[in-house]
């Protein structure tokens, strides 16, 4: 069995931080949208997307 069962996309640390911050900002905007419209689907999609980024993207030190 391999050490890491989930394949990782290795990127520069600055790219990882930037993508994570953009994802967090997108979740905040989607949360605001839910508060205004009551439509929860954009929040669900952006949260799921951010979770996938965190799962698959890692920086190599």
N, C-alpha and C. Protein backbone atom coordinates (compact mmCIF):
# COMPACT_ATOMS: atom_id res chain seq x y z
N UNK A 1 0.84 -1.18 0.00
CA UNK A 1 0.00 0.00 0.00
C UNK A 1 0.88 1.24 0.00
N UNK A 2 0.48 2.26 -0.72
CA UNK A 2 1.28 3.48 -0.82
C UNK A 2 1.14 4.34 0.42
N UNK A 3 2.08 5.26 0.58
CA UNK A 3 2.07 6.15 1.74
C UNK A 3 0.90 7.12 1.71
N UNK A 4 0.62 7.69 0.55
CA UNK A 4 -0.44 8.69 0.42
C UNK A 4 -1.51 8.16 -0.54
N UNK A 5 -2.64 7.68 -0.02
CA UNK A 5 -3.68 7.16 -0.90
C UNK A 5 -4.36 8.22 -1.77
N UNK A 6 -4.26 9.48 -1.36
CA UNK A 6 -4.86 10.58 -2.14
C UNK A 6 -3.75 11.24 -2.94
N UNK A 7 -3.86 11.28 -4.27
CA UNK A 7 -2.82 11.93 -5.06
C UNK A 7 -2.77 13.43 -4.77
N UNK A 8 -1.58 13.95 -4.64
CA UNK A 8 -1.40 15.37 -4.33
C UNK A 8 -0.82 16.11 -5.52
N UNK A 9 -1.31 17.32 -5.75
CA UNK A 9 -0.77 18.20 -6.76
C UNK A 9 0.19 19.14 -6.04
N UNK A 10 1.48 19.01 -6.34
CA UNK A 10 2.50 19.80 -5.65
C UNK A 10 2.67 21.13 -6.37
N UNK A 11 2.46 22.22 -5.63
CA UNK A 11 2.61 23.57 -6.18
C UNK A 11 3.47 24.39 -5.23
N UNK A 12 3.84 25.56 -5.67
CA UNK A 12 4.59 26.48 -4.83
C UNK A 12 3.73 26.91 -3.64
N UNK A 13 4.37 27.17 -2.52
CA UNK A 13 3.64 27.54 -1.30
C UNK A 13 2.81 28.82 -1.49
N UNK A 14 3.34 29.80 -2.24
CA UNK A 14 2.61 31.04 -2.48
C UNK A 14 1.35 30.79 -3.30
N UNK A 15 1.43 29.88 -4.26
CA UNK A 15 0.26 29.53 -5.06
C UNK A 15 -0.79 28.86 -4.20
N UNK A 16 -0.37 27.96 -3.33
CA UNK A 16 -1.30 27.28 -2.44
C UNK A 16 -2.03 28.27 -1.53
N UNK A 17 -1.29 29.20 -0.96
CA UNK A 17 -1.89 30.19 -0.06
C UNK A 17 -2.85 31.08 -0.84
N UNK A 18 -2.46 31.51 -2.03
CA UNK A 18 -3.32 32.37 -2.84
C UNK A 18 -4.62 31.67 -3.21
N UNK A 19 -4.52 30.42 -3.65
CA UNK A 19 -5.72 29.67 -4.03
C UNK A 19 -6.63 29.46 -2.82
N UNK A 20 -6.03 29.16 -1.68
CA UNK A 20 -6.83 28.97 -0.46
C UNK A 20 -7.53 30.26 -0.05
N UNK A 21 -6.83 31.39 -0.13
CA UNK A 21 -7.45 32.67 0.23
C UNK A 21 -8.58 33.05 -0.73
N UNK A 22 -8.38 32.79 -2.01
CA UNK A 22 -9.44 33.06 -2.99
C UNK A 22 -10.65 32.16 -2.70
N UNK A 23 -10.39 30.91 -2.34
CA UNK A 23 -11.49 30.01 -2.00
C UNK A 23 -12.24 30.45 -0.75
N UNK A 24 -11.51 30.91 0.24
CA UNK A 24 -12.15 31.41 1.47
C UNK A 24 -12.98 32.65 1.16
N UNK A 25 -12.46 33.54 0.33
CA UNK A 25 -13.22 34.73 -0.07
C UNK A 25 -14.49 34.33 -0.83
N UNK A 26 -14.38 33.33 -1.70
CA UNK A 26 -15.55 32.86 -2.45
C UNK A 26 -16.60 32.28 -1.51
N UNK A 27 -16.18 31.56 -0.48
CA UNK A 27 -17.14 31.02 0.49
C UNK A 27 -17.81 32.15 1.27
N UNK A 28 -17.06 33.19 1.60
CA UNK A 28 -17.66 34.33 2.31
C UNK A 28 -18.70 35.03 1.44
N UNK A 29 -18.38 35.21 0.16
CA UNK A 29 -19.33 35.83 -0.76
C UNK A 29 -20.57 34.95 -0.92
N UNK A 30 -20.37 33.64 -1.02
CA UNK A 30 -21.51 32.73 -1.15
C UNK A 30 -22.36 32.73 0.12
N UNK A 31 -21.73 32.86 1.28
CA UNK A 31 -22.48 32.93 2.54
C UNK A 31 -23.33 34.20 2.57
N UNK A 32 -22.77 35.30 2.11
CA UNK A 32 -23.54 36.55 2.03
C UNK A 32 -24.73 36.37 1.08
N UNK A 33 -24.49 35.70 -0.03
CA UNK A 33 -25.55 35.44 -1.02
C UNK A 33 -26.68 34.61 -0.38
N UNK A 34 -26.32 33.62 0.41
CA UNK A 34 -27.33 32.81 1.09
C UNK A 34 -28.16 33.67 2.03
N UNK A 35 -27.50 34.57 2.75
CA UNK A 35 -28.22 35.45 3.66
C UNK A 35 -29.19 36.37 2.95
N UNK A 36 -28.83 36.81 1.75
CA UNK A 36 -29.70 37.72 1.00
C UNK A 36 -30.81 37.01 0.25
N UNK A 37 -30.51 35.84 -0.34
CA UNK A 37 -31.48 35.20 -1.22
C UNK A 37 -32.09 33.93 -0.65
N UNK A 38 -31.40 33.28 0.28
CA UNK A 38 -31.89 32.02 0.81
C UNK A 38 -31.49 30.82 -0.04
N UNK A 39 -30.80 31.05 -1.16
CA UNK A 39 -30.36 29.97 -2.04
C UNK A 39 -29.03 29.42 -1.51
N UNK A 40 -29.03 28.19 -1.02
CA UNK A 40 -27.86 27.60 -0.39
C UNK A 40 -26.92 26.89 -1.37
N UNK A 41 -27.33 26.70 -2.62
CA UNK A 41 -26.53 25.91 -3.56
C UNK A 41 -25.16 26.52 -3.88
N UNK A 42 -25.03 27.85 -4.08
CA UNK A 42 -23.68 28.40 -4.32
C UNK A 42 -22.74 28.18 -3.14
N UNK A 43 -23.25 28.28 -1.92
CA UNK A 43 -22.42 28.05 -0.74
C UNK A 43 -21.97 26.60 -0.69
N UNK A 44 -22.86 25.69 -0.98
CA UNK A 44 -22.50 24.28 -0.99
C UNK A 44 -21.43 23.98 -2.03
N UNK A 45 -21.58 24.52 -3.21
CA UNK A 45 -20.62 24.27 -4.29
C UNK A 45 -19.25 24.86 -3.98
N UNK A 46 -19.20 26.08 -3.46
CA UNK A 46 -17.90 26.69 -3.17
C UNK A 46 -17.23 26.02 -1.98
N UNK A 47 -18.00 25.61 -0.99
CA UNK A 47 -17.42 24.90 0.15
C UNK A 47 -16.84 23.56 -0.29
N UNK A 48 -17.56 22.85 -1.14
CA UNK A 48 -17.08 21.57 -1.65
C UNK A 48 -15.82 21.77 -2.49
N UNK A 49 -15.80 22.81 -3.31
CA UNK A 49 -14.61 23.11 -4.12
C UNK A 49 -13.40 23.44 -3.27
N UNK A 50 -13.59 24.23 -2.22
CA UNK A 50 -12.48 24.57 -1.34
C UNK A 50 -11.98 23.34 -0.60
N UNK A 51 -12.87 22.45 -0.20
CA UNK A 51 -12.45 21.21 0.46
C UNK A 51 -11.61 20.35 -0.48
N UNK A 52 -11.96 20.31 -1.76
CA UNK A 52 -11.17 19.55 -2.74
C UNK A 52 -9.79 20.16 -2.93
N UNK A 53 -9.72 21.48 -2.95
CA UNK A 53 -8.42 22.15 -3.07
C UNK A 53 -7.54 21.79 -1.88
N UNK A 54 -8.09 21.85 -0.69
CA UNK A 54 -7.33 21.52 0.51
C UNK A 54 -6.90 20.06 0.48
N UNK A 55 -7.74 19.17 -0.02
CA UNK A 55 -7.44 17.75 -0.06
C UNK A 55 -6.35 17.41 -1.07
N UNK A 56 -6.40 18.01 -2.24
CA UNK A 56 -5.52 17.59 -3.34
C UNK A 56 -4.28 18.46 -3.56
N UNK A 57 -4.26 19.67 -3.04
CA UNK A 57 -3.14 20.57 -3.31
C UNK A 57 -2.26 20.68 -2.06
N UNK A 58 -0.98 20.53 -2.27
CA UNK A 58 -0.02 20.68 -1.19
C UNK A 58 1.20 21.42 -1.69
N UNK A 59 1.90 22.09 -0.79
CA UNK A 59 3.14 22.77 -1.19
C UNK A 59 4.32 21.92 -0.73
N UNK A 60 5.35 21.94 -1.54
CA UNK A 60 6.58 21.21 -1.22
C UNK A 60 7.56 22.18 -0.62
N UNK A 61 8.07 21.89 0.54
CA UNK A 61 8.99 22.81 1.23
C UNK A 61 10.39 22.58 0.81
